[in-house]
Amino acid sequence: MILIDKRRPKHNVAEVMNIIGDVKGRNILIVDDLIDTANTFIAAVEGLKKAGANEIYGASTHPILRSGYRKNREIFS
């Protein structure tokens, strides 16, 4: 299990502060309760890539996907 410590300096802005656990060379599944603009999800993916994760997948129980999601959706392809 990996934990991502994040902070929100302002609305719809998330910064990954720490990744707790070893992700180097591993495939990761991110499970999130809600994805709105996907900014937090993207920050998590970028942090995991920098930490050496291989493939990264995502799942959400409430994918609202509004606001800035349209500009971010090419990242999910």
N, C-alpha and C. Protein backbone atom coordinates (compact mmCIF):
# COMPACT_ATOMS: atom_id res chain seq x y z
N MET A 1 0.85 -1.18 0.00
CA MET A 1 0.00 0.00 0.00
C MET A 1 0.89 1.24 0.00
N ILE A 2 0.50 2.19 -0.79
CA ILE A 2 1.19 3.47 -0.90
C ILE A 2 0.23 4.57 -0.46
N LEU A 3 0.74 5.54 0.26
CA LEU A 3 -0.06 6.71 0.63
C LEU A 3 0.55 7.95 -0.02
N ILE A 4 -0.32 8.84 -0.47
CA ILE A 4 0.15 10.11 -1.04
C ILE A 4 -0.33 11.22 -0.13
N ASP A 5 0.62 11.96 0.40
CA ASP A 5 0.34 13.11 1.26
C ASP A 5 0.25 14.33 0.35
N LYS A 6 -0.91 14.96 0.32
CA LYS A 6 -1.09 16.12 -0.55
C LYS A 6 -1.57 17.33 0.24
N ARG A 7 -1.40 18.47 -0.35
CA ARG A 7 -1.88 19.73 0.22
C ARG A 7 -2.64 20.47 -0.85
N ARG A 8 -3.61 21.27 -0.41
CA ARG A 8 -4.37 22.12 -1.33
C ARG A 8 -4.11 23.59 -0.95
N PRO A 9 -3.19 24.24 -1.66
CA PRO A 9 -2.93 25.64 -1.35
C PRO A 9 -4.11 26.55 -1.70
N LYS A 10 -4.92 26.14 -2.69
CA LYS A 10 -6.15 26.85 -3.02
C LYS A 10 -7.10 25.90 -3.72
N HIS A 11 -8.32 26.34 -3.95
CA HIS A 11 -9.37 25.51 -4.54
C HIS A 11 -8.92 24.92 -5.88
N ASN A 12 -9.14 23.61 -6.07
CA ASN A 12 -8.80 22.87 -7.28
C ASN A 12 -7.31 22.87 -7.62
N VAL A 13 -6.47 23.09 -6.62
CA VAL A 13 -5.02 23.00 -6.80
C VAL A 13 -4.49 22.04 -5.74
N ALA A 14 -3.82 20.99 -6.19
CA ALA A 14 -3.27 20.00 -5.26
C ALA A 14 -1.77 19.86 -5.50
N GLU A 15 -1.03 19.73 -4.43
CA GLU A 15 0.41 19.51 -4.51
C GLU A 15 0.74 18.23 -3.75
N VAL A 16 1.47 17.33 -4.42
CA VAL A 16 1.92 16.12 -3.76
C VAL A 16 3.13 16.49 -2.90
N MET A 17 3.02 16.25 -1.61
CA MET A 17 4.10 16.58 -0.69
C MET A 17 5.02 15.38 -0.45
N ASN A 18 4.42 14.22 -0.21
CA ASN A 18 5.19 13.01 0.08
C ASN A 18 4.49 11.79 -0.49
N ILE A 19 5.30 10.84 -0.95
CA ILE A 19 4.78 9.53 -1.31
C ILE A 19 5.34 8.59 -0.26
N ILE A 20 4.45 7.96 0.48
CA ILE A 20 4.84 7.11 1.59
C ILE A 20 4.77 5.66 1.11
N GLY A 21 5.93 5.04 0.96
CA GLY A 21 6.03 3.68 0.44
C GLY A 21 6.92 3.65 -0.78
N ASP A 22 7.32 2.47 -1.19
CA ASP A 22 8.23 2.30 -2.32
C ASP A 22 7.45 2.00 -3.59
N VAL A 23 7.51 2.89 -4.57
CA VAL A 23 6.79 2.69 -5.83
C VAL A 23 7.72 2.36 -6.98
N LYS A 24 9.01 2.46 -6.77
CA LYS A 24 9.98 2.27 -7.86
C LYS A 24 9.82 0.88 -8.49
N GLY A 25 9.59 0.89 -9.81
CA GLY A 25 9.46 -0.36 -10.56
C GLY A 25 8.15 -1.09 -10.38
N ARG A 26 7.16 -0.46 -9.74
CA ARG A 26 5.88 -1.12 -9.48
C ARG A 26 4.76 -0.53 -10.34
N ASN A 27 3.76 -1.35 -10.61
CA ASN A 27 2.53 -0.87 -11.23
C ASN A 27 1.61 -0.40 -10.11
N ILE A 28 0.92 0.70 -10.33
CA ILE A 28 0.14 1.34 -9.27
C ILE A 28 -1.33 1.47 -9.69
N LEU A 29 -2.22 1.22 -8.75
CA LEU A 29 -3.65 1.50 -8.92
C LEU A 29 -4.02 2.58 -7.91
N ILE A 30 -4.44 3.73 -8.41
CA ILE A 30 -4.90 4.81 -7.55
C ILE A 30 -6.41 4.66 -7.40
N VAL A 31 -6.88 4.59 -6.16
CA VAL A 31 -8.31 4.54 -5.88
C VAL A 31 -8.68 5.84 -5.19
N ASP A 32 -9.55 6.61 -5.81
CA ASP A 32 -9.94 7.91 -5.29
C ASP A 32 -11.46 7.92 -5.10
N ASP A 33 -11.91 8.63 -4.09
CA ASP A 33 -13.35 8.67 -3.85
C ASP A 33 -14.07 9.59 -4.82
N LEU A 34 -13.39 10.64 -5.33
CA LEU A 34 -14.06 11.60 -6.20
C LEU A 34 -13.04 12.23 -7.14
N ILE A 35 -13.37 12.29 -8.41
CA ILE A 35 -12.54 13.02 -9.38
C ILE A 35 -13.44 14.08 -9.99
N ASP A 36 -13.06 15.34 -9.80
CA ASP A 36 -13.83 16.47 -10.31
C ASP A 36 -13.12 17.04 -11.53
N THR A 37 -12.08 17.82 -11.32
CA THR A 37 -11.32 18.40 -12.43
C THR A 37 -10.15 17.50 -12.84
N ALA A 38 -9.81 16.54 -12.02
CA ALA A 38 -8.69 15.61 -12.22
C ALA A 38 -7.34 16.23 -11.89
N ASN A 39 -7.31 17.45 -11.38
CA ASN A 39 -6.04 18.08 -11.03
C ASN A 39 -5.29 17.30 -9.94
N THR A 40 -6.00 16.84 -8.92
CA THR A 40 -5.37 16.06 -7.85
C THR A 40 -4.87 14.73 -8.39
N PHE A 41 -5.66 14.09 -9.22
CA PHE A 41 -5.27 12.81 -9.82
C PHE A 41 -4.01 12.98 -10.65
N ILE A 42 -3.96 14.03 -11.47
CA ILE A 42 -2.80 14.29 -12.31
C ILE A 42 -1.56 14.57 -11.46
N ALA A 43 -1.72 15.34 -10.39
CA ALA A 43 -0.59 15.60 -9.50
C ALA A 43 -0.08 14.30 -8.88
N ALA A 44 -0.99 13.41 -8.52
CA ALA A 44 -0.60 12.11 -7.95
C ALA A 44 0.17 11.28 -8.99
N VAL A 45 -0.34 11.23 -10.21
CA VAL A 45 0.32 10.48 -11.28
C VAL A 45 1.72 11.04 -11.54
N GLU A 46 1.83 12.35 -11.62
CA GLU A 46 3.14 12.97 -11.87
C GLU A 46 4.11 12.65 -10.74
N GLY A 47 3.64 12.71 -9.49
CA GLY A 47 4.49 12.38 -8.35
C GLY A 47 4.94 10.93 -8.37
N LEU A 48 4.02 10.04 -8.72
CA LEU A 48 4.35 8.61 -8.79
C LEU A 48 5.35 8.33 -9.91
N LYS A 49 5.18 8.99 -11.05
CA LYS A 49 6.13 8.81 -12.16
C LYS A 49 7.53 9.28 -11.74
N LYS A 50 7.59 10.43 -11.08
CA LYS A 50 8.89 10.95 -10.62
C LYS A 50 9.54 10.01 -9.62
N ALA A 51 8.72 9.29 -8.85
CA ALA A 51 9.24 8.35 -7.85
C ALA A 51 9.59 7.00 -8.47
N GLY A 52 9.36 6.83 -9.78
CA GLY A 52 9.79 5.61 -10.46
C GLY A 52 8.73 4.55 -10.68
N ALA A 53 7.46 4.89 -10.54
CA ALA A 53 6.39 3.90 -10.79
C ALA A 53 6.36 3.53 -12.27
N ASN A 54 5.97 2.30 -12.56
CA ASN A 54 5.82 1.84 -13.95
C ASN A 54 4.49 2.31 -14.50
N GLU A 55 3.55 1.40 -14.62
CA GLU A 55 2.23 1.73 -15.14
C GLU A 55 1.35 2.22 -13.99
N ILE A 56 0.50 3.21 -14.29
CA ILE A 56 -0.37 3.80 -13.27
C ILE A 56 -1.80 3.77 -13.79
N TYR A 57 -2.69 3.17 -12.99
CA TYR A 57 -4.10 3.06 -13.33
C TYR A 57 -4.91 3.82 -12.29
N GLY A 58 -6.13 4.17 -12.63
CA GLY A 58 -6.97 4.89 -11.69
C GLY A 58 -8.40 4.37 -11.66
N ALA A 59 -9.01 4.49 -10.49
CA ALA A 59 -10.41 4.14 -10.30
C ALA A 59 -11.02 5.17 -9.36
N SER A 60 -12.30 5.47 -9.59
CA SER A 60 -12.98 6.45 -8.76
C SER A 60 -14.41 5.99 -8.50
N THR A 61 -14.87 6.18 -7.27
CA THR A 61 -16.25 5.82 -6.95
C THR A 61 -17.24 6.88 -7.42
N HIS A 62 -16.80 8.13 -7.53
CA HIS A 62 -17.67 9.23 -7.97
C HIS A 62 -16.93 10.08 -9.00
N PRO A 63 -16.87 9.65 -10.25
CA PRO A 63 -16.19 10.45 -11.28
C PRO A 63 -17.11 11.55 -11.83
N ILE A 64 -17.08 12.70 -11.20
CA ILE A 64 -17.93 13.82 -11.63
C ILE A 64 -17.40 14.39 -12.95
N LEU A 65 -16.10 14.55 -13.06
CA LEU A 65 -15.43 14.96 -14.29
C LEU A 65 -16.03 16.20 -14.94
N ARG A 66 -15.98 17.29 -14.25
CA ARG A 66 -16.51 18.54 -14.79
C ARG A 66 -15.40 19.60 -14.80
N SER A 67 -15.77 20.80 -15.00
CA SER A 67 -14.86 21.95 -15.00
C SER A 67 -13.65 21.70 -15.88
N GLY A 68 -12.48 21.66 -15.29
CA GLY A 68 -11.23 21.54 -16.04
C GLY A 68 -10.94 20.15 -16.56
N TYR A 69 -11.81 19.18 -16.31
CA TYR A 69 -11.53 17.82 -16.78
C TYR A 69 -11.34 17.77 -18.29
N ARG A 70 -12.14 18.52 -19.03
CA ARG A 70 -12.04 18.45 -20.50
C ARG A 70 -10.64 18.81 -20.96
N LYS A 71 -10.02 19.80 -20.34
CA LYS A 71 -8.66 20.17 -20.77
C LYS A 71 -7.63 19.16 -20.30
N ASN A 72 -7.98 18.35 -19.29
CA ASN A 72 -7.04 17.35 -18.77
C ASN A 72 -7.24 15.96 -19.34
N ARG A 73 -8.29 15.71 -20.09
CA ARG A 73 -8.63 14.34 -20.47
C ARG A 73 -7.62 13.69 -21.39
N GLU A 74 -6.85 14.48 -22.17
CA GLU A 74 -5.85 13.86 -23.03
C GLU A 74 -4.78 13.15 -22.22
N ILE A 75 -4.60 13.55 -20.98
CA ILE A 75 -3.64 12.89 -20.09
C ILE A 75 -4.09 11.47 -19.78
N PHE A 76 -5.40 11.22 -19.77
CA PHE A 76 -5.93 9.92 -19.43
C PHE A 76 -5.90 8.94 -20.59
N SER A 77 -5.52 9.39 -21.78
CA SER A 77 -5.51 8.50 -22.95
C SER A 77 -4.33 7.57 -22.92
